[in-house]
Amino acid sequence: MENYKTIAESDSYLKEIKKSKFIVHLAQTNSEDEANQFIEKIRQQESGATHNCFAFIVREKVLTERMSDDGEPSGTAGSPILNVLQQQGLENVTAVVTRYFGGIKLGAGGLIRAYSSTTAEGIKNIGLVENRLQQGYKLNVPYHLYDKFENYAKNEKLILENKQFSTDVSVDIYFDIESLTADKQDIIDNFQNQITFEETDQEFKQIPIEAN
């Protein structure tokens, strides 16, 4: 599986447009089954809504995209939601936009703008991450070097987990697969070969994407 971009967390965002309430519910979903379960959950949660329109993009063996206007005029809801997900290059994400009709018709163009903007603003509010395949290592760091090493890791934006202090410091670290050899060598050079490496597992890690 390749690296991919998705939302940072599952959350909701409310926007009011001409007395209609639009609520985008966003979730990380790693399969079509998870996406459908999330859609059904929101339908039950928002059972009194006028519409619960949705779109999702998930990658299992292949990329799957689905959408629904849920009773809105064709092409005015599901497609605009999906377009936002596509334009932002997101995968493994489901967006359900709930509408509570406020009595004022928006017209086709107004609906497209409403569903698009609600989805886009919801994503911006939550933030994005890149899921990157990383190689894990357990490092043994001499105690007197650990503060220096921790600052180094922070500056290099390396992920540290499971710190354990004894005579030395044991810590799990993760490197991007693409830069693995160079990253390891940089640590060896900066710390005069005083840090030892034990290879562990490969995992996908979520790396925050800074907003422009």
N, C-alpha and C. Protein backbone atom coordinates (compact mmCIF):
# COMPACT_ATOMS: atom_id res chain seq x y z
N MET A 1 0.84 -1.19 0.00
CA MET A 1 0.00 0.00 0.00
C MET A 1 0.88 1.25 0.00
N GLU A 2 0.50 2.26 -0.78
CA GLU A 2 1.29 3.47 -0.90
C GLU A 2 0.91 4.48 0.18
N ASN A 3 1.79 5.48 0.36
CA ASN A 3 1.45 6.59 1.24
C ASN A 3 0.21 7.30 0.72
N TYR A 4 -0.59 7.84 1.62
CA TYR A 4 -1.79 8.55 1.18
C TYR A 4 -2.16 9.65 2.18
N LYS A 5 -2.96 10.60 1.70
CA LYS A 5 -3.40 11.74 2.51
C LYS A 5 -4.84 11.53 2.94
N THR A 6 -5.14 11.88 4.19
CA THR A 6 -6.50 11.74 4.70
C THR A 6 -6.75 12.80 5.77
N ILE A 7 -7.94 12.77 6.38
CA ILE A 7 -8.26 13.73 7.44
C ILE A 7 -7.55 13.32 8.73
N ALA A 8 -7.30 14.32 9.59
CA ALA A 8 -6.55 14.08 10.82
C ALA A 8 -7.34 13.28 11.84
N GLU A 9 -8.66 13.45 11.86
CA GLU A 9 -9.51 12.76 12.83
C GLU A 9 -10.95 12.80 12.34
N SER A 10 -11.81 12.08 13.03
CA SER A 10 -13.24 12.10 12.72
C SER A 10 -13.89 13.24 13.49
N ASP A 11 -14.71 14.04 12.80
CA ASP A 11 -15.35 15.19 13.46
C ASP A 11 -16.48 15.70 12.58
N SER A 12 -17.21 16.69 13.11
CA SER A 12 -18.33 17.30 12.38
C SER A 12 -18.15 18.81 12.33
N TYR A 13 -18.83 19.43 11.37
CA TYR A 13 -18.73 20.88 11.18
C TYR A 13 -20.08 21.38 10.68
N LEU A 14 -20.59 22.45 11.31
CA LEU A 14 -21.92 23.00 10.99
C LEU A 14 -21.79 24.33 10.25
N LYS A 15 -22.60 24.48 9.20
CA LYS A 15 -22.67 25.75 8.47
C LYS A 15 -24.13 26.05 8.17
N GLU A 16 -24.54 27.29 8.40
CA GLU A 16 -25.92 27.69 8.10
C GLU A 16 -25.94 28.56 6.86
N ILE A 17 -26.80 28.19 5.90
CA ILE A 17 -26.92 28.92 4.64
C ILE A 17 -28.40 29.15 4.37
N LYS A 18 -28.82 30.40 4.38
CA LYS A 18 -30.22 30.78 4.13
C LYS A 18 -31.19 29.91 4.94
N LYS A 19 -30.91 29.84 6.22
CA LYS A 19 -31.75 29.16 7.22
C LYS A 19 -31.69 27.63 7.15
N SER A 20 -31.04 27.08 6.13
CA SER A 20 -30.80 25.63 6.11
C SER A 20 -29.51 25.33 6.87
N LYS A 21 -29.55 24.27 7.67
CA LYS A 21 -28.35 23.85 8.39
C LYS A 21 -27.68 22.70 7.63
N PHE A 22 -26.42 22.88 7.33
CA PHE A 22 -25.61 21.85 6.68
C PHE A 22 -24.55 21.38 7.68
N ILE A 23 -24.52 20.09 7.94
CA ILE A 23 -23.55 19.52 8.88
C ILE A 23 -22.75 18.45 8.15
N VAL A 24 -21.45 18.66 8.03
CA VAL A 24 -20.61 17.62 7.42
C VAL A 24 -20.02 16.76 8.53
N HIS A 25 -20.24 15.47 8.40
CA HIS A 25 -19.67 14.48 9.32
C HIS A 25 -18.55 13.77 8.55
N LEU A 26 -17.35 13.84 9.07
CA LEU A 26 -16.18 13.27 8.39
C LEU A 26 -15.56 12.17 9.23
N ALA A 27 -15.13 11.10 8.58
CA ALA A 27 -14.50 9.99 9.30
C ALA A 27 -13.43 9.34 8.44
N GLN A 28 -12.38 8.88 9.10
CA GLN A 28 -11.42 8.00 8.44
C GLN A 28 -12.06 6.62 8.31
N THR A 29 -12.12 6.11 7.09
CA THR A 29 -12.70 4.79 6.84
C THR A 29 -11.75 4.01 5.94
N ASN A 30 -11.35 2.84 6.37
CA ASN A 30 -10.31 2.09 5.67
C ASN A 30 -10.84 1.01 4.73
N SER A 31 -12.17 0.93 4.60
CA SER A 31 -12.77 -0.05 3.69
C SER A 31 -14.16 0.43 3.31
N GLU A 32 -14.72 -0.20 2.27
CA GLU A 32 -16.08 0.15 1.87
C GLU A 32 -17.07 -0.22 2.97
N ASP A 33 -16.83 -1.32 3.66
CA ASP A 33 -17.71 -1.70 4.77
C ASP A 33 -17.70 -0.65 5.87
N GLU A 34 -16.51 -0.15 6.22
CA GLU A 34 -16.42 0.89 7.25
C GLU A 34 -17.14 2.15 6.81
N ALA A 35 -17.00 2.50 5.53
CA ALA A 35 -17.67 3.69 5.01
C ALA A 35 -19.19 3.53 5.11
N ASN A 36 -19.70 2.38 4.69
CA ASN A 36 -21.15 2.15 4.75
C ASN A 36 -21.67 2.13 6.18
N GLN A 37 -20.89 1.58 7.10
CA GLN A 37 -21.29 1.58 8.51
C GLN A 37 -21.37 3.00 9.06
N PHE A 38 -20.40 3.83 8.68
CA PHE A 38 -20.41 5.22 9.14
C PHE A 38 -21.61 5.97 8.57
N ILE A 39 -21.89 5.76 7.29
CA ILE A 39 -23.05 6.42 6.66
C ILE A 39 -24.33 6.03 7.37
N GLU A 40 -24.50 4.74 7.65
CA GLU A 40 -25.70 4.27 8.34
C GLU A 40 -25.79 4.85 9.75
N LYS A 41 -24.67 4.95 10.43
CA LYS A 41 -24.65 5.55 11.77
C LYS A 41 -25.15 6.99 11.73
N ILE A 42 -24.69 7.76 10.76
CA ILE A 42 -25.11 9.16 10.65
C ILE A 42 -26.59 9.24 10.25
N ARG A 43 -27.03 8.37 9.36
CA ARG A 43 -28.45 8.36 8.99
C ARG A 43 -29.34 8.14 10.21
N GLN A 44 -28.93 7.25 11.09
CA GLN A 44 -29.72 7.00 12.30
C GLN A 44 -29.60 8.17 13.27
N GLN A 45 -28.40 8.71 13.39
CA GLN A 45 -28.16 9.84 14.29
C GLN A 45 -28.92 11.08 13.84
N GLU A 46 -29.01 11.29 12.53
CA GLU A 46 -29.67 12.47 11.95
C GLU A 46 -30.94 12.03 11.22
N SER A 47 -31.73 11.18 11.86
CA SER A 47 -32.91 10.60 11.20
C SER A 47 -33.98 11.64 10.89
N GLY A 48 -33.96 12.77 11.57
CA GLY A 48 -34.95 13.82 11.31
C GLY A 48 -34.54 14.80 10.24
N ALA A 49 -33.38 14.58 9.63
CA ALA A 49 -32.88 15.52 8.61
C ALA A 49 -33.65 15.40 7.31
N THR A 50 -33.60 16.46 6.52
CA THR A 50 -34.22 16.44 5.19
C THR A 50 -33.42 15.55 4.24
N HIS A 51 -32.11 15.62 4.32
CA HIS A 51 -31.23 14.82 3.46
C HIS A 51 -29.96 14.44 4.23
N ASN A 52 -29.44 13.26 3.93
CA ASN A 52 -28.11 12.84 4.38
C ASN A 52 -27.34 12.38 3.14
N CYS A 53 -26.68 13.32 2.50
CA CYS A 53 -25.95 13.03 1.26
C CYS A 53 -24.51 12.63 1.61
N PHE A 54 -23.88 11.85 0.74
CA PHE A 54 -22.54 11.39 1.11
C PHE A 54 -21.66 11.15 -0.10
N ALA A 55 -20.37 11.04 0.20
CA ALA A 55 -19.38 10.56 -0.76
C ALA A 55 -18.25 9.94 0.03
N PHE A 56 -17.62 8.93 -0.56
CA PHE A 56 -16.42 8.38 0.08
C PHE A 56 -15.43 7.90 -0.96
N ILE A 57 -14.16 7.89 -0.53
CA ILE A 57 -13.06 7.34 -1.33
C ILE A 57 -12.28 6.41 -0.41
N VAL A 58 -12.20 5.14 -0.76
CA VAL A 58 -11.41 4.19 0.04
C VAL A 58 -10.54 3.36 -0.89
N ARG A 59 -9.40 2.98 -0.39
CA ARG A 59 -8.50 2.12 -1.15
C ARG A 59 -8.28 0.84 -0.37
N GLU A 60 -8.73 -0.27 -0.96
CA GLU A 60 -8.39 -1.59 -0.45
C GLU A 60 -7.43 -2.17 -1.50
N LYS A 61 -7.88 -3.12 -2.29
CA LYS A 61 -7.04 -3.57 -3.40
C LYS A 61 -7.09 -2.57 -4.55
N VAL A 62 -8.24 -1.93 -4.70
CA VAL A 62 -8.41 -0.89 -5.73
C VAL A 62 -9.06 0.32 -5.08
N LEU A 63 -9.01 1.45 -5.78
CA LEU A 63 -9.65 2.67 -5.30
C LEU A 63 -11.14 2.61 -5.60
N THR A 64 -11.97 2.83 -4.57
CA THR A 64 -13.42 2.80 -4.73
C THR A 64 -14.00 4.16 -4.34
N GLU A 65 -14.86 4.69 -5.20
CA GLU A 65 -15.53 5.97 -4.94
C GLU A 65 -17.04 5.76 -5.06
N ARG A 66 -17.78 6.30 -4.11
CA ARG A 66 -19.23 6.23 -4.14
C ARG A 66 -19.79 7.58 -3.70
N MET A 67 -21.04 7.86 -4.13
CA MET A 67 -21.70 9.10 -3.71
C MET A 67 -23.20 8.93 -3.81
N SER A 68 -23.92 9.81 -3.11
CA SER A 68 -25.39 9.80 -3.15
C SER A 68 -25.93 11.20 -2.93
N ASP A 69 -26.95 11.58 -3.74
CA ASP A 69 -27.64 12.86 -3.56
C ASP A 69 -28.76 12.76 -2.52
N ASP A 70 -29.16 11.55 -2.16
CA ASP A 70 -30.19 11.31 -1.14
C ASP A 70 -31.41 12.23 -1.30
N GLY A 71 -31.92 12.30 -2.52
CA GLY A 71 -33.15 13.05 -2.75
C GLY A 71 -32.97 14.48 -3.20
N GLU A 72 -31.77 15.02 -3.11
CA GLU A 72 -31.50 16.35 -3.68
C GLU A 72 -31.47 16.20 -5.21
N PRO A 73 -31.68 17.29 -5.96
CA PRO A 73 -31.61 17.21 -7.42
C PRO A 73 -30.30 16.57 -7.88
N SER A 74 -30.38 15.76 -8.91
CA SER A 74 -29.23 14.99 -9.37
C SER A 74 -28.01 15.88 -9.63
N GLY A 75 -26.88 15.48 -9.06
CA GLY A 75 -25.63 16.19 -9.30
C GLY A 75 -25.38 17.38 -8.40
N THR A 76 -26.29 17.67 -7.46
CA THR A 76 -26.13 18.88 -6.64
C THR A 76 -25.55 18.61 -5.25
N ALA A 77 -25.36 17.35 -4.87
CA ALA A 77 -24.93 17.06 -3.50
C ALA A 77 -23.78 16.06 -3.47
N GLY A 78 -24.06 14.81 -3.84
CA GLY A 78 -23.02 13.78 -3.78
C GLY A 78 -21.81 14.11 -4.62
N SER A 79 -22.04 14.57 -5.84
CA SER A 79 -20.92 14.89 -6.73
C SER A 79 -20.07 16.05 -6.21
N PRO A 80 -20.66 17.16 -5.74
CA PRO A 80 -19.84 18.23 -5.16
C PRO A 80 -19.03 17.78 -3.94
N ILE A 81 -19.62 16.92 -3.11
CA ILE A 81 -18.88 16.40 -1.95
C ILE A 81 -17.69 15.58 -2.43
N LEU A 82 -17.94 14.68 -3.38
CA LEU A 82 -16.88 13.83 -3.91
C LEU A 82 -15.79 14.66 -4.58
N ASN A 83 -16.19 15.70 -5.30
CA ASN A 83 -15.21 16.56 -5.98
C ASN A 83 -14.23 17.18 -4.99
N VAL A 84 -14.73 17.59 -3.83
CA VAL A 84 -13.85 18.18 -2.81
C VAL A 84 -12.83 17.14 -2.33
N LEU A 85 -13.29 15.93 -2.06
CA LEU A 85 -12.38 14.87 -1.63
C LEU A 85 -11.33 14.59 -2.70
N GLN A 86 -11.76 14.55 -3.96
CA GLN A 86 -10.83 14.28 -5.06
C GLN A 86 -9.83 15.41 -5.23
N GLN A 87 -10.32 16.66 -5.21
CA GLN A 87 -9.45 17.81 -5.42
C GLN A 87 -8.37 17.91 -4.35
N GLN A 88 -8.70 17.46 -3.14
CA GLN A 88 -7.71 17.52 -2.05
C GLN A 88 -6.84 16.26 -2.00
N GLY A 89 -7.10 15.32 -2.90
CA GLY A 89 -6.27 14.13 -2.99
C GLY A 89 -6.40 13.20 -1.81
N LEU A 90 -7.61 13.11 -1.24
CA LEU A 90 -7.81 12.32 -0.02
C LEU A 90 -8.20 10.88 -0.34
N GLU A 91 -7.80 9.99 0.54
CA GLU A 91 -8.21 8.58 0.48
C GLU A 91 -8.63 8.12 1.87
N ASN A 92 -9.38 7.03 1.88
CA ASN A 92 -9.85 6.44 3.14
C ASN A 92 -10.58 7.46 4.00
N VAL A 93 -11.53 8.13 3.37
CA VAL A 93 -12.32 9.16 4.06
C VAL A 93 -13.76 9.09 3.56
N THR A 94 -14.69 9.31 4.49
CA THR A 94 -16.11 9.38 4.16
C THR A 94 -16.67 10.69 4.68
N ALA A 95 -17.46 11.36 3.84
CA ALA A 95 -18.12 12.61 4.22
C ALA A 95 -19.62 12.44 4.03
N VAL A 96 -20.37 12.65 5.10
CA VAL A 96 -21.83 12.67 5.05
C VAL A 96 -22.26 14.09 5.38
N VAL A 97 -22.97 14.73 4.45
CA VAL A 97 -23.45 16.09 4.71
C VAL A 97 -24.95 16.03 4.95
N THR A 98 -25.33 16.36 6.17
CA THR A 98 -26.72 16.38 6.60
C THR A 98 -27.30 17.77 6.34
N ARG A 99 -28.52 17.80 5.80
CA ARG A 99 -29.19 19.09 5.58
C ARG A 99 -30.53 19.10 6.30
N TYR A 100 -30.73 20.16 7.08
CA TYR A 100 -32.03 20.46 7.66
C TYR A 100 -32.58 21.67 6.91
N PHE A 101 -33.63 21.44 6.12
CA PHE A 101 -34.17 22.49 5.25
C PHE A 101 -34.75 23.63 6.07
N GLY A 102 -34.38 24.87 5.70
CA GLY A 102 -34.81 26.04 6.46
C GLY A 102 -35.94 26.82 5.82
N GLY A 103 -36.50 26.31 4.71
CA GLY A 103 -37.65 26.97 4.10
C GLY A 103 -37.33 27.81 2.88
N ILE A 104 -36.06 28.03 2.59
CA ILE A 104 -35.67 28.83 1.43
C ILE A 104 -34.94 27.92 0.43
N LYS A 105 -35.47 27.81 -0.79
CA LYS A 105 -34.82 26.99 -1.81
C LYS A 105 -33.54 27.67 -2.29
N LEU A 106 -32.51 26.86 -2.52
CA LEU A 106 -31.21 27.41 -2.91
C LEU A 106 -30.95 27.33 -4.40
N GLY A 107 -31.73 26.54 -5.13
CA GLY A 107 -31.46 26.33 -6.55
C GLY A 107 -30.27 25.40 -6.73
N ALA A 108 -30.12 24.90 -7.96
CA ALA A 108 -29.06 23.91 -8.23
C ALA A 108 -27.68 24.46 -7.92
N GLY A 109 -27.40 25.66 -8.41
CA GLY A 109 -26.09 26.27 -8.17
C GLY A 109 -25.83 26.51 -6.70
N GLY A 110 -26.86 26.96 -5.99
CA GLY A 110 -26.72 27.21 -4.56
C GLY A 110 -26.46 25.94 -3.78
N LEU A 111 -27.14 24.85 -4.18
CA LEU A 111 -26.92 23.57 -3.51
C LEU A 111 -25.50 23.06 -3.73
N ILE A 112 -25.03 23.15 -4.97
CA ILE A 112 -23.66 22.71 -5.27
C ILE A 112 -22.66 23.47 -4.42
N ARG A 113 -22.83 24.80 -4.34
CA ARG A 113 -21.91 25.61 -3.53
C ARG A 113 -22.02 25.27 -2.06
N ALA A 114 -23.24 25.02 -1.59
CA ALA A 114 -23.45 24.72 -0.17
C ALA A 114 -22.79 23.40 0.23
N TYR A 115 -23.02 22.36 -0.57
CA TYR A 115 -22.43 21.06 -0.23
C TYR A 115 -20.91 21.08 -0.39
N SER A 116 -20.42 21.78 -1.41
CA SER A 116 -18.96 21.88 -1.61
C SER A 116 -18.30 22.64 -0.47
N SER A 117 -18.83 23.82 -0.17
CA SER A 117 -18.18 24.68 0.83
C SER A 117 -18.25 24.08 2.22
N THR A 118 -19.37 23.44 2.56
CA THR A 118 -19.48 22.81 3.88
C THR A 118 -18.45 21.70 4.03
N THR A 119 -18.30 20.89 2.99
CA THR A 119 -17.31 19.81 3.03
C THR A 119 -15.89 20.36 3.13
N ALA A 120 -15.57 21.34 2.29
CA ALA A 120 -14.22 21.90 2.27
C ALA A 120 -13.87 22.58 3.59
N GLU A 121 -14.81 23.33 4.14
CA GLU A 121 -14.55 24.02 5.41
C GLU A 121 -14.42 23.03 6.56
N GLY A 122 -15.21 21.96 6.52
CA GLY A 122 -15.09 20.93 7.54
C GLY A 122 -13.73 20.27 7.53
N ILE A 123 -13.23 19.97 6.33
CA ILE A 123 -11.90 19.36 6.20
C ILE A 123 -10.82 20.31 6.69
N LYS A 124 -10.94 21.59 6.32
CA LYS A 124 -9.96 22.58 6.77
C LYS A 124 -9.96 22.70 8.29
N ASN A 125 -11.14 22.65 8.89
CA ASN A 125 -11.27 22.76 10.34
C ASN A 125 -10.61 21.58 11.07
N ILE A 126 -10.73 20.39 10.49
CA ILE A 126 -10.16 19.18 11.10
C ILE A 126 -8.65 19.10 10.88
N GLY A 127 -8.21 19.43 9.67
CA GLY A 127 -6.80 19.28 9.32
C GLY A 127 -6.53 17.96 8.61
N LEU A 128 -5.35 17.88 8.01
CA LEU A 128 -4.98 16.72 7.21
C LEU A 128 -3.71 16.06 7.74
N VAL A 129 -3.59 14.78 7.44
CA VAL A 129 -2.36 14.04 7.74
C VAL A 129 -1.98 13.23 6.51
N GLU A 130 -0.71 12.87 6.43
CA GLU A 130 -0.27 11.91 5.42
C GLU A 130 0.07 10.61 6.14
N ASN A 131 -0.54 9.53 5.71
CA ASN A 131 -0.20 8.21 6.23
C ASN A 131 1.02 7.70 5.46
N ARG A 132 2.14 7.61 6.13
CA ARG A 132 3.39 7.20 5.48
C ARG A 132 3.85 5.86 6.04
N LEU A 133 4.32 5.01 5.14
CA LEU A 133 4.89 3.74 5.58
C LEU A 133 6.26 4.01 6.19
N GLN A 134 6.43 3.58 7.45
CA GLN A 134 7.66 3.85 8.18
C GLN A 134 8.26 2.54 8.70
N GLN A 135 9.58 2.53 8.77
CA GLN A 135 10.30 1.40 9.35
C GLN A 135 10.63 1.72 10.80
N GLY A 136 10.27 0.81 11.69
CA GLY A 136 10.53 1.02 13.11
C GLY A 136 11.87 0.43 13.55
N TYR A 137 12.46 1.09 14.55
CA TYR A 137 13.67 0.59 15.20
C TYR A 137 13.56 0.85 16.69
N LYS A 138 14.14 -0.04 17.47
CA LYS A 138 14.32 0.22 18.89
C LYS A 138 15.75 0.69 19.08
N LEU A 139 15.89 1.91 19.63
CA LEU A 139 17.20 2.50 19.83
C LEU A 139 17.60 2.43 21.29
N ASN A 140 18.87 2.22 21.51
CA ASN A 140 19.44 2.29 22.86
C ASN A 140 20.37 3.50 22.88
N VAL A 141 19.98 4.52 23.66
CA VAL A 141 20.69 5.80 23.67
C VAL A 141 21.36 5.98 25.03
N PRO A 142 22.67 6.24 25.08
CA PRO A 142 23.32 6.53 26.35
C PRO A 142 22.59 7.67 27.08
N TYR A 143 22.41 7.49 28.37
CA TYR A 143 21.60 8.44 29.15
C TYR A 143 22.09 9.88 28.98
N HIS A 144 23.40 10.07 28.99
CA HIS A 144 23.94 11.44 28.93
C HIS A 144 23.74 12.10 27.56
N LEU A 145 23.36 11.30 26.55
CA LEU A 145 23.13 11.85 25.21
C LEU A 145 21.64 12.06 24.90
N TYR A 146 20.77 11.62 25.81
CA TYR A 146 19.36 11.54 25.41
C TYR A 146 18.74 12.91 25.15
N ASP A 147 19.01 13.91 25.99
CA ASP A 147 18.43 15.24 25.75
C ASP A 147 18.84 15.77 24.38
N LYS A 148 20.11 15.61 24.06
CA LYS A 148 20.60 16.05 22.74
C LYS A 148 19.89 15.27 21.63
N PHE A 149 19.74 13.96 21.83
CA PHE A 149 19.08 13.13 20.81
C PHE A 149 17.61 13.52 20.65
N GLU A 150 16.92 13.79 21.75
CA GLU A 150 15.50 14.16 21.68
C GLU A 150 15.33 15.46 20.92
N ASN A 151 16.20 16.43 21.15
CA ASN A 151 16.15 17.69 20.40
C ASN A 151 16.44 17.46 18.92
N TYR A 152 17.39 16.58 18.65
CA TYR A 152 17.71 16.23 17.26
C TYR A 152 16.48 15.63 16.57
N ALA A 153 15.83 14.68 17.24
CA ALA A 153 14.65 14.02 16.66
C ALA A 153 13.53 15.02 16.41
N LYS A 154 13.34 15.96 17.34
CA LYS A 154 12.30 16.97 17.18
C LYS A 154 12.59 17.85 15.97
N ASN A 155 13.83 18.28 15.83
CA ASN A 155 14.21 19.14 14.70
C ASN A 155 14.07 18.41 13.37
N GLU A 156 14.33 17.10 13.38
CA GLU A 156 14.24 16.29 12.16
C GLU A 156 12.83 15.73 11.93
N LYS A 157 11.90 16.05 12.84
CA LYS A 157 10.51 15.59 12.77
C LYS A 157 10.41 14.07 12.70
N LEU A 158 11.21 13.42 13.55
CA LEU A 158 11.17 11.96 13.67
C LEU A 158 10.22 11.57 14.79
N ILE A 159 9.54 10.45 14.62
CA ILE A 159 8.55 9.99 15.59
C ILE A 159 9.24 9.13 16.64
N LEU A 160 9.10 9.53 17.92
CA LEU A 160 9.63 8.75 19.04
C LEU A 160 8.48 8.23 19.88
N GLU A 161 8.57 6.98 20.29
CA GLU A 161 7.52 6.37 21.12
C GLU A 161 8.16 5.45 22.16
N ASN A 162 7.38 5.18 23.22
CA ASN A 162 7.73 4.15 24.22
C ASN A 162 9.11 4.36 24.84
N LYS A 163 9.34 5.56 25.37
CA LYS A 163 10.60 5.83 26.06
C LYS A 163 10.67 5.04 27.37
N GLN A 164 11.80 4.41 27.62
CA GLN A 164 12.03 3.69 28.88
C GLN A 164 13.42 4.03 29.40
N PHE A 165 13.45 4.53 30.64
CA PHE A 165 14.70 5.00 31.23
C PHE A 165 15.25 3.96 32.20
N SER A 166 16.52 3.63 32.03
CA SER A 166 17.24 2.79 33.00
C SER A 166 18.68 3.31 33.00
N THR A 167 19.66 2.43 32.88
CA THR A 167 21.04 2.91 32.76
C THR A 167 21.20 3.73 31.48
N ASP A 168 20.61 3.21 30.40
CA ASP A 168 20.49 3.95 29.14
C ASP A 168 19.01 4.21 28.88
N VAL A 169 18.72 4.81 27.75
CA VAL A 169 17.33 5.09 27.38
C VAL A 169 16.97 4.25 26.16
N SER A 170 15.89 3.49 26.28
CA SER A 170 15.36 2.71 25.16
C SER A 170 14.18 3.48 24.57
N VAL A 171 14.15 3.62 23.26
CA VAL A 171 13.07 4.37 22.61
C VAL A 171 12.81 3.79 21.22
N ASP A 172 11.53 3.76 20.83
CA ASP A 172 11.16 3.34 19.48
C ASP A 172 11.17 4.55 18.56
N ILE A 173 11.72 4.38 17.38
CA ILE A 173 11.80 5.46 16.40
C ILE A 173 11.33 4.94 15.06
N TYR A 174 10.78 5.86 14.23
CA TYR A 174 10.26 5.47 12.92
C TYR A 174 10.84 6.38 11.85
N PHE A 175 11.29 5.76 10.75
CA PHE A 175 11.86 6.48 9.61
C PHE A 175 11.01 6.24 8.37
N ASP A 176 10.89 7.27 7.51
CA ASP A 176 10.29 7.06 6.19
C ASP A 176 11.11 6.01 5.44
N ILE A 177 10.40 5.10 4.78
CA ILE A 177 11.08 4.06 4.01
C ILE A 177 12.02 4.67 2.97
N GLU A 178 11.58 5.75 2.32
CA GLU A 178 12.36 6.34 1.23
C GLU A 178 13.69 6.92 1.71
N SER A 179 13.74 7.40 2.95
CA SER A 179 14.95 8.07 3.44
C SER A 179 15.64 7.28 4.55
N LEU A 180 15.27 6.01 4.68
CA LEU A 180 15.71 5.17 5.80
C LEU A 180 17.24 5.14 5.94
N THR A 181 17.94 4.80 4.88
CA THR A 181 19.40 4.65 4.96
C THR A 181 20.07 5.96 5.35
N ALA A 182 19.65 7.05 4.73
CA ALA A 182 20.25 8.36 5.03
C ALA A 182 19.95 8.80 6.46
N ASP A 183 18.71 8.57 6.92
CA ASP A 183 18.34 8.98 8.28
C ASP A 183 19.15 8.22 9.33
N LYS A 184 19.30 6.92 9.12
CA LYS A 184 20.10 6.11 10.06
C LYS A 184 21.55 6.59 10.09
N GLN A 185 22.10 6.80 8.91
CA GLN A 185 23.50 7.22 8.84
C GLN A 185 23.70 8.57 9.49
N ASP A 186 22.73 9.46 9.37
CA ASP A 186 22.84 10.78 9.98
C ASP A 186 22.92 10.68 11.50
N ILE A 187 22.12 9.78 12.08
CA ILE A 187 22.18 9.58 13.54
C ILE A 187 23.53 8.99 13.93
N ILE A 188 23.99 8.01 13.18
CA ILE A 188 25.29 7.40 13.47
C ILE A 188 26.39 8.46 13.45
N ASP A 189 26.36 9.34 12.44
CA ASP A 189 27.39 10.37 12.31
C ASP A 189 27.30 11.42 13.41
N ASN A 190 26.07 11.85 13.74
CA ASN A 190 25.89 12.91 14.73
C ASN A 190 26.18 12.46 16.15
N PHE A 191 26.05 11.16 16.40
CA PHE A 191 26.23 10.66 17.77
C PHE A 191 27.39 9.66 17.86
N GLN A 192 28.34 9.79 16.94
CA GLN A 192 29.60 9.05 16.98
C GLN A 192 29.41 7.55 17.22
N ASN A 193 28.38 7.01 16.59
CA ASN A 193 28.14 5.56 16.64
C ASN A 193 27.88 5.04 18.06
N GLN A 194 27.38 5.93 18.93
CA GLN A 194 27.10 5.52 20.32
C GLN A 194 25.66 5.05 20.52
N ILE A 195 24.84 5.13 19.48
CA ILE A 195 23.45 4.70 19.55
C ILE A 195 23.30 3.40 18.76
N THR A 196 22.66 2.41 19.36
CA THR A 196 22.48 1.12 18.68
C THR A 196 21.05 1.00 18.15
N PHE A 197 20.90 0.26 17.04
CA PHE A 197 19.62 0.09 16.35
C PHE A 197 19.22 -1.38 16.35
N GLU A 198 17.94 -1.63 16.65
CA GLU A 198 17.36 -2.97 16.48
C GLU A 198 16.09 -2.84 15.65
N GLU A 199 16.08 -3.44 14.46
CA GLU A 199 14.93 -3.30 13.55
C GLU A 199 13.69 -3.96 14.14
N THR A 200 12.54 -3.26 14.02
CA THR A 200 11.26 -3.82 14.48
C THR A 200 10.30 -3.94 13.29
N ASP A 201 9.11 -3.36 13.37
CA ASP A 201 8.10 -3.56 12.33
C ASP A 201 7.94 -2.34 11.44
N GLN A 202 7.36 -2.58 10.26
CA GLN A 202 6.92 -1.48 9.40
C GLN A 202 5.47 -1.14 9.75
N GLU A 203 5.19 0.16 9.85
CA GLU A 203 3.85 0.62 10.18
C GLU A 203 3.54 1.90 9.40
N PHE A 204 2.23 2.12 9.17
CA PHE A 204 1.81 3.42 8.65
C PHE A 204 1.65 4.37 9.82
N LYS A 205 2.28 5.54 9.73
CA LYS A 205 2.20 6.56 10.76
C LYS A 205 1.58 7.83 10.17
N GLN A 206 0.77 8.51 10.99
CA GLN A 206 0.10 9.72 10.51
C GLN A 206 0.98 10.94 10.80
N ILE A 207 1.37 11.62 9.73
CA ILE A 207 2.23 12.80 9.83
C ILE A 207 1.38 14.03 9.52
N PRO A 208 1.24 14.97 10.47
CA PRO A 208 0.42 16.17 10.22
C PRO A 208 0.92 16.95 9.01
N ILE A 209 -0.02 17.45 8.23
CA ILE A 209 0.29 18.32 7.09
C ILE A 209 -0.02 19.74 7.50
N GLU A 210 0.98 20.60 7.44
CA GLU A 210 0.78 21.99 7.84
C GLU A 210 -0.07 22.71 6.81
N ALA A 211 -1.03 23.51 7.33
CA ALA A 211 -1.92 24.27 6.44
C ALA A 211 -1.13 25.37 5.74
N ASN A 212 -1.50 25.62 4.49
CA ASN A 212 -0.84 26.69 3.73
C ASN A 212 -1.28 28.06 4.22
